[in-house]
Amino acid sequence: MPLHKLARELDETARQSAAMIDGISAALKKLSDPGLDRTGTQQAADMIVVALQGQDRIEQRCRNMAEAVRQFALLPPNAPQALFDEIWNSLALDELRAPGFSGAARQPQDEVELF
């Protein structure tokens, strides 16, 4: 049933949003340490960059789910399950679970690239 899948995807998005905030909170806690050295400051900055990258993926995930709902609304009431499955399969809803998306990308000059 499409609404059950949508509910699961929304739950996952909420979980990822909470994880993003946890990362920012941990970075702020690290930055509040009066004895923090340059390495610690860089680690905190990297943690914030990872969290910001998470927000970008959460936004994309929400846009994908909104697109699925718009497509569902166009289907006739007696549409076969295969059409709903086709709509879900056409979206990239697993980007938050892919570990390759996490972490700060580095330019050759060692500058952080946010997106």
N, C-alpha and C. Protein backbone atom coordinates (compact mmCIF):
# COMPACT_ATOMS: atom_id res chain seq x y z
N MET A 1 0.85 -1.18 0.00
CA MET A 1 0.00 0.00 0.00
C MET A 1 0.89 1.25 0.00
N PRO A 2 0.64 2.17 -0.91
CA PRO A 2 1.51 3.34 -1.06
C PRO A 2 1.60 4.21 0.19
N LEU A 3 0.50 4.36 0.93
CA LEU A 3 0.55 5.22 2.10
C LEU A 3 1.41 4.62 3.22
N HIS A 4 1.44 3.30 3.32
CA HIS A 4 2.32 2.67 4.31
C HIS A 4 3.78 2.94 3.96
N LYS A 5 4.11 2.85 2.70
CA LYS A 5 5.50 3.13 2.28
C LYS A 5 5.82 4.59 2.52
N LEU A 6 4.90 5.48 2.21
CA LEU A 6 5.12 6.90 2.46
C LEU A 6 5.35 7.15 3.95
N ALA A 7 4.57 6.51 4.79
CA ALA A 7 4.75 6.67 6.24
C ALA A 7 6.13 6.18 6.67
N ARG A 8 6.59 5.06 6.14
CA ARG A 8 7.94 4.56 6.48
C ARG A 8 9.01 5.54 6.02
N GLU A 9 8.84 6.09 4.83
CA GLU A 9 9.83 7.05 4.31
C GLU A 9 9.83 8.33 5.14
N LEU A 10 8.67 8.77 5.58
CA LEU A 10 8.60 9.96 6.44
C LEU A 10 9.25 9.68 7.79
N ASP A 11 9.03 8.49 8.35
CA ASP A 11 9.69 8.11 9.60
C ASP A 11 11.21 8.13 9.45
N GLU A 12 11.69 7.60 8.34
CA GLU A 12 13.14 7.58 8.08
C GLU A 12 13.67 9.00 7.94
N THR A 13 12.93 9.86 7.28
CA THR A 13 13.34 11.25 7.11
C THR A 13 13.39 11.95 8.45
N ALA A 14 12.42 11.70 9.31
CA ALA A 14 12.42 12.28 10.65
C ALA A 14 13.63 11.79 11.43
N ARG A 15 13.95 10.51 11.33
CA ARG A 15 15.12 9.96 12.03
C ARG A 15 16.40 10.62 11.54
N GLN A 16 16.51 10.80 10.23
CA GLN A 16 17.70 11.43 9.67
C GLN A 16 17.79 12.90 10.08
N SER A 17 16.66 13.57 10.19
CA SER A 17 16.66 14.97 10.64
C SER A 17 17.19 15.07 12.07
N ALA A 18 16.74 14.15 12.91
CA ALA A 18 17.21 14.13 14.30
C ALA A 18 18.71 13.85 14.36
N ALA A 19 19.19 12.94 13.52
CA ALA A 19 20.62 12.64 13.49
C ALA A 19 21.42 13.85 13.04
N MET A 20 20.88 14.63 12.11
CA MET A 20 21.56 15.84 11.65
C MET A 20 21.70 16.82 12.81
N ILE A 21 20.65 17.02 13.57
CA ILE A 21 20.68 17.94 14.71
C ILE A 21 21.64 17.42 15.77
N ASP A 22 21.66 16.11 15.99
CA ASP A 22 22.61 15.54 16.95
C ASP A 22 24.04 15.86 16.56
N GLY A 23 24.34 15.79 15.27
CA GLY A 23 25.69 16.11 14.79
C GLY A 23 26.06 17.57 15.03
N ILE A 24 25.13 18.46 14.79
CA ILE A 24 25.39 19.88 15.04
C ILE A 24 25.54 20.12 16.53
N SER A 25 24.71 19.51 17.34
CA SER A 25 24.80 19.67 18.80
C SER A 25 26.15 19.18 19.32
N ALA A 26 26.60 18.04 18.81
CA ALA A 26 27.90 17.51 19.23
C ALA A 26 29.03 18.46 18.83
N ALA A 27 28.93 19.05 17.64
CA ALA A 27 29.95 20.01 17.20
C ALA A 27 29.95 21.25 18.07
N LEU A 28 28.78 21.74 18.41
CA LEU A 28 28.71 22.93 19.27
C LEU A 28 29.25 22.63 20.67
N LYS A 29 28.97 21.45 21.17
CA LYS A 29 29.52 21.06 22.48
C LYS A 29 31.04 21.03 22.42
N LYS A 30 31.57 20.49 21.34
CA LYS A 30 33.03 20.42 21.16
C LYS A 30 33.61 21.83 21.10
N LEU A 31 32.94 22.73 20.38
CA LEU A 31 33.43 24.09 20.23
C LEU A 31 33.36 24.88 21.54
N SER A 32 32.51 24.47 22.46
CA SER A 32 32.41 25.18 23.74
C SER A 32 33.49 24.78 24.73
N ASP A 33 34.29 23.79 24.40
CA ASP A 33 35.39 23.35 25.26
C ASP A 33 36.47 24.43 25.27
N PRO A 34 36.76 25.01 26.43
CA PRO A 34 37.76 26.09 26.49
C PRO A 34 39.18 25.63 26.12
N GLY A 35 39.45 24.35 26.24
CA GLY A 35 40.78 23.85 25.91
C GLY A 35 40.90 23.31 24.49
N LEU A 36 39.95 23.64 23.65
CA LEU A 36 39.92 23.11 22.29
C LEU A 36 41.10 23.64 21.47
N ASP A 37 41.81 22.73 20.82
CA ASP A 37 42.94 23.14 19.98
C ASP A 37 42.48 23.24 18.52
N ARG A 38 43.42 23.55 17.65
CA ARG A 38 43.11 23.74 16.22
C ARG A 38 42.54 22.47 15.59
N THR A 39 43.09 21.33 15.96
CA THR A 39 42.60 20.06 15.43
C THR A 39 41.15 19.82 15.86
N GLY A 40 40.85 20.10 17.10
CA GLY A 40 39.48 19.94 17.60
C GLY A 40 38.51 20.89 16.91
N THR A 41 38.98 22.11 16.65
CA THR A 41 38.16 23.08 15.94
C THR A 41 37.86 22.58 14.52
N GLN A 42 38.85 22.03 13.86
CA GLN A 42 38.65 21.50 12.51
C GLN A 42 37.70 20.32 12.52
N GLN A 43 37.83 19.46 13.54
CA GLN A 43 36.91 18.32 13.65
C GLN A 43 35.48 18.80 13.84
N ALA A 44 35.28 19.82 14.67
CA ALA A 44 33.94 20.36 14.88
C ALA A 44 33.39 20.96 13.59
N ALA A 45 34.23 21.67 12.86
CA ALA A 45 33.80 22.25 11.59
C ALA A 45 33.41 21.14 10.61
N ASP A 46 34.18 20.07 10.58
CA ASP A 46 33.86 18.94 9.70
C ASP A 46 32.52 18.31 10.10
N MET A 47 32.25 18.23 11.40
CA MET A 47 30.98 17.68 11.87
C MET A 47 29.81 18.54 11.39
N ILE A 48 29.99 19.83 11.41
CA ILE A 48 28.94 20.74 10.95
C ILE A 48 28.72 20.59 9.45
N VAL A 49 29.81 20.46 8.70
CA VAL A 49 29.70 20.29 7.25
C VAL A 49 28.93 19.00 6.94
N VAL A 50 29.23 17.93 7.64
CA VAL A 50 28.52 16.66 7.42
C VAL A 50 27.03 16.85 7.71
N ALA A 51 26.71 17.57 8.79
CA ALA A 51 25.30 17.81 9.11
C ALA A 51 24.62 18.63 8.02
N LEU A 52 25.31 19.63 7.49
CA LEU A 52 24.73 20.44 6.42
C LEU A 52 24.53 19.61 5.16
N GLN A 53 25.42 18.70 4.89
CA GLN A 53 25.23 17.80 3.75
C GLN A 53 24.02 16.90 3.98
N GLY A 54 23.79 16.52 5.23
CA GLY A 54 22.62 15.73 5.57
C GLY A 54 21.34 16.49 5.28
N GLN A 55 21.34 17.78 5.58
CA GLN A 55 20.16 18.60 5.31
C GLN A 55 19.88 18.63 3.82
N ASP A 56 20.89 18.74 3.01
CA ASP A 56 20.72 18.76 1.56
C ASP A 56 20.05 17.47 1.08
N ARG A 57 20.48 16.35 1.63
CA ARG A 57 19.88 15.07 1.24
C ARG A 57 18.45 14.93 1.77
N ILE A 58 18.19 15.45 2.96
CA ILE A 58 16.83 15.41 3.51
C ILE A 58 15.90 16.23 2.63
N GLU A 59 16.36 17.38 2.20
CA GLU A 59 15.54 18.21 1.30
C GLU A 59 15.23 17.46 0.01
N GLN A 60 16.23 16.80 -0.57
CA GLN A 60 16.00 16.03 -1.80
C GLN A 60 15.01 14.90 -1.55
N ARG A 61 15.15 14.24 -0.42
CA ARG A 61 14.25 13.14 -0.07
C ARG A 61 12.81 13.66 0.04
N CYS A 62 12.60 14.80 0.69
CA CYS A 62 11.26 15.38 0.83
C CYS A 62 10.68 15.75 -0.53
N ARG A 63 11.52 16.31 -1.39
CA ARG A 63 11.04 16.66 -2.74
C ARG A 63 10.61 15.40 -3.50
N ASN A 64 11.37 14.32 -3.36
CA ASN A 64 11.02 13.06 -4.02
C ASN A 64 9.69 12.52 -3.50
N MET A 65 9.49 12.56 -2.19
CA MET A 65 8.23 12.06 -1.64
C MET A 65 7.07 12.94 -2.08
N ALA A 66 7.26 14.24 -2.12
CA ALA A 66 6.20 15.14 -2.59
C ALA A 66 5.85 14.83 -4.05
N GLU A 67 6.86 14.57 -4.85
CA GLU A 67 6.60 14.22 -6.26
C GLU A 67 5.82 12.91 -6.35
N ALA A 68 6.15 11.94 -5.52
CA ALA A 68 5.41 10.67 -5.53
C ALA A 68 3.94 10.92 -5.17
N VAL A 69 3.69 11.72 -4.16
CA VAL A 69 2.31 12.00 -3.75
C VAL A 69 1.55 12.71 -4.87
N ARG A 70 2.20 13.66 -5.55
CA ARG A 70 1.55 14.34 -6.68
C ARG A 70 1.18 13.33 -7.77
N GLN A 71 2.07 12.39 -8.05
CA GLN A 71 1.79 11.38 -9.07
C GLN A 71 0.68 10.43 -8.61
N PHE A 72 0.67 10.08 -7.31
CA PHE A 72 -0.40 9.23 -6.79
C PHE A 72 -1.75 9.92 -6.96
N ALA A 73 -1.80 11.22 -6.73
CA ALA A 73 -3.06 11.97 -6.83
C ALA A 73 -3.64 11.94 -8.24
N LEU A 74 -2.80 11.75 -9.24
CA LEU A 74 -3.26 11.71 -10.62
C LEU A 74 -3.81 10.35 -11.04
N LEU A 75 -3.52 9.33 -10.23
CA LEU A 75 -3.97 7.97 -10.58
C LEU A 75 -5.46 7.81 -10.29
N PRO A 76 -6.13 7.01 -11.11
CA PRO A 76 -7.55 6.74 -10.83
C PRO A 76 -7.69 5.91 -9.55
N PRO A 77 -8.83 5.99 -8.89
CA PRO A 77 -9.03 5.27 -7.62
C PRO A 77 -8.79 3.77 -7.72
N ASN A 78 -9.02 3.18 -8.88
CA ASN A 78 -8.86 1.73 -9.03
C ASN A 78 -7.53 1.35 -9.70
N ALA A 79 -6.55 2.22 -9.60
CA ALA A 79 -5.24 1.95 -10.23
C ALA A 79 -4.61 0.70 -9.62
N PRO A 80 -3.99 -0.11 -10.45
CA PRO A 80 -3.35 -1.32 -9.92
C PRO A 80 -2.11 -0.97 -9.10
N GLN A 81 -1.79 -1.84 -8.17
CA GLN A 81 -0.63 -1.66 -7.29
C GLN A 81 0.65 -1.47 -8.10
N ALA A 82 0.75 -2.08 -9.25
CA ALA A 82 1.95 -1.97 -10.09
C ALA A 82 2.26 -0.53 -10.46
N LEU A 83 1.22 0.29 -10.66
CA LEU A 83 1.45 1.70 -10.98
C LEU A 83 2.06 2.45 -9.79
N PHE A 84 1.57 2.15 -8.59
CA PHE A 84 2.14 2.76 -7.39
C PHE A 84 3.59 2.34 -7.21
N ASP A 85 3.84 1.05 -7.42
CA ASP A 85 5.21 0.54 -7.32
C ASP A 85 6.13 1.21 -8.34
N GLU A 86 5.62 1.41 -9.54
CA GLU A 86 6.41 2.06 -10.58
C GLU A 86 6.80 3.49 -10.18
N ILE A 87 5.86 4.20 -9.57
CA ILE A 87 6.15 5.57 -9.12
C ILE A 87 7.24 5.54 -8.05
N TRP A 88 7.10 4.67 -7.05
CA TRP A 88 8.12 4.58 -6.00
C TRP A 88 9.48 4.21 -6.58
N ASN A 89 9.48 3.25 -7.50
CA ASN A 89 10.75 2.79 -8.07
C ASN A 89 11.44 3.84 -8.93
N SER A 90 10.68 4.83 -9.39
CA SER A 90 11.28 5.87 -10.21
C SER A 90 11.98 6.95 -9.38
N LEU A 91 11.81 6.92 -8.05
CA LEU A 91 12.38 7.94 -7.18
C LEU A 91 13.63 7.41 -6.48
N ALA A 92 14.53 8.32 -6.15
CA ALA A 92 15.74 7.97 -5.39
C ALA A 92 15.50 8.30 -3.93
N LEU A 93 14.94 7.34 -3.19
CA LEU A 93 14.60 7.58 -1.80
C LEU A 93 15.62 7.03 -0.81
N ASP A 94 16.67 6.41 -1.26
CA ASP A 94 17.64 5.80 -0.36
C ASP A 94 18.91 6.61 -0.22
N GLU A 95 18.94 7.84 -0.70
CA GLU A 95 20.18 8.61 -0.66
C GLU A 95 20.68 8.85 0.75
N LEU A 96 19.80 8.86 1.74
CA LEU A 96 20.25 9.09 3.11
C LEU A 96 20.92 7.87 3.72
N ARG A 97 20.64 6.72 3.18
CA ARG A 97 21.21 5.49 3.72
C ARG A 97 22.54 5.13 3.07
N ALA A 98 22.94 5.87 2.06
CA ALA A 98 24.17 5.55 1.33
C ALA A 98 25.37 6.19 2.04
N PRO A 99 26.26 5.39 2.59
CA PRO A 99 27.39 5.97 3.34
C PRO A 99 28.32 6.81 2.48
N GLY A 100 28.32 6.62 1.19
CA GLY A 100 29.18 7.40 0.32
C GLY A 100 28.85 8.88 0.30
N PHE A 101 27.65 9.26 0.75
CA PHE A 101 27.26 10.65 0.76
C PHE A 101 27.77 11.38 2.00
N SER A 102 28.18 10.67 3.02
CA SER A 102 28.60 11.30 4.27
C SER A 102 30.04 11.76 4.21
N GLY A 103 30.34 12.78 4.95
CA GLY A 103 31.71 13.27 5.06
C GLY A 103 31.94 14.52 4.25
N ALA A 104 32.94 15.26 4.65
CA ALA A 104 33.27 16.52 3.98
C ALA A 104 34.16 16.25 2.78
N ALA A 105 33.77 16.76 1.65
CA ALA A 105 34.61 16.64 0.45
C ALA A 105 35.72 17.68 0.52
N ARG A 106 36.88 17.36 0.04
CA ARG A 106 38.02 18.27 0.09
C ARG A 106 38.47 18.65 -1.31
N GLN A 107 38.77 19.90 -1.48
CA GLN A 107 39.35 20.39 -2.71
C GLN A 107 40.87 20.21 -2.61
N PRO A 108 41.59 20.29 -3.73
CA PRO A 108 43.05 20.14 -3.67
C PRO A 108 43.72 21.12 -2.71
N GLN A 109 43.14 22.30 -2.52
CA GLN A 109 43.72 23.30 -1.62
C GLN A 109 43.26 23.05 -0.17
N ASP A 110 42.60 21.93 0.08
CA ASP A 110 42.11 21.55 1.41
C ASP A 110 41.01 22.47 1.88
N GLU A 111 40.23 23.01 0.96
CA GLU A 111 39.09 23.82 1.32
C GLU A 111 37.85 22.93 1.33
N VAL A 112 36.98 23.17 2.28
CA VAL A 112 35.78 22.36 2.39
C VAL A 112 34.80 22.73 1.28
N GLU A 113 34.26 21.71 0.63
CA GLU A 113 33.21 21.90 -0.38
C GLU A 113 31.91 21.42 0.25
N LEU A 114 30.98 22.33 0.45
CA LEU A 114 29.72 21.95 1.12
C LEU A 114 28.84 21.09 0.25
N PHE A 115 28.65 21.44 -1.02
CA PHE A 115 27.72 20.69 -1.85
C PHE A 115 28.25 20.56 -3.25
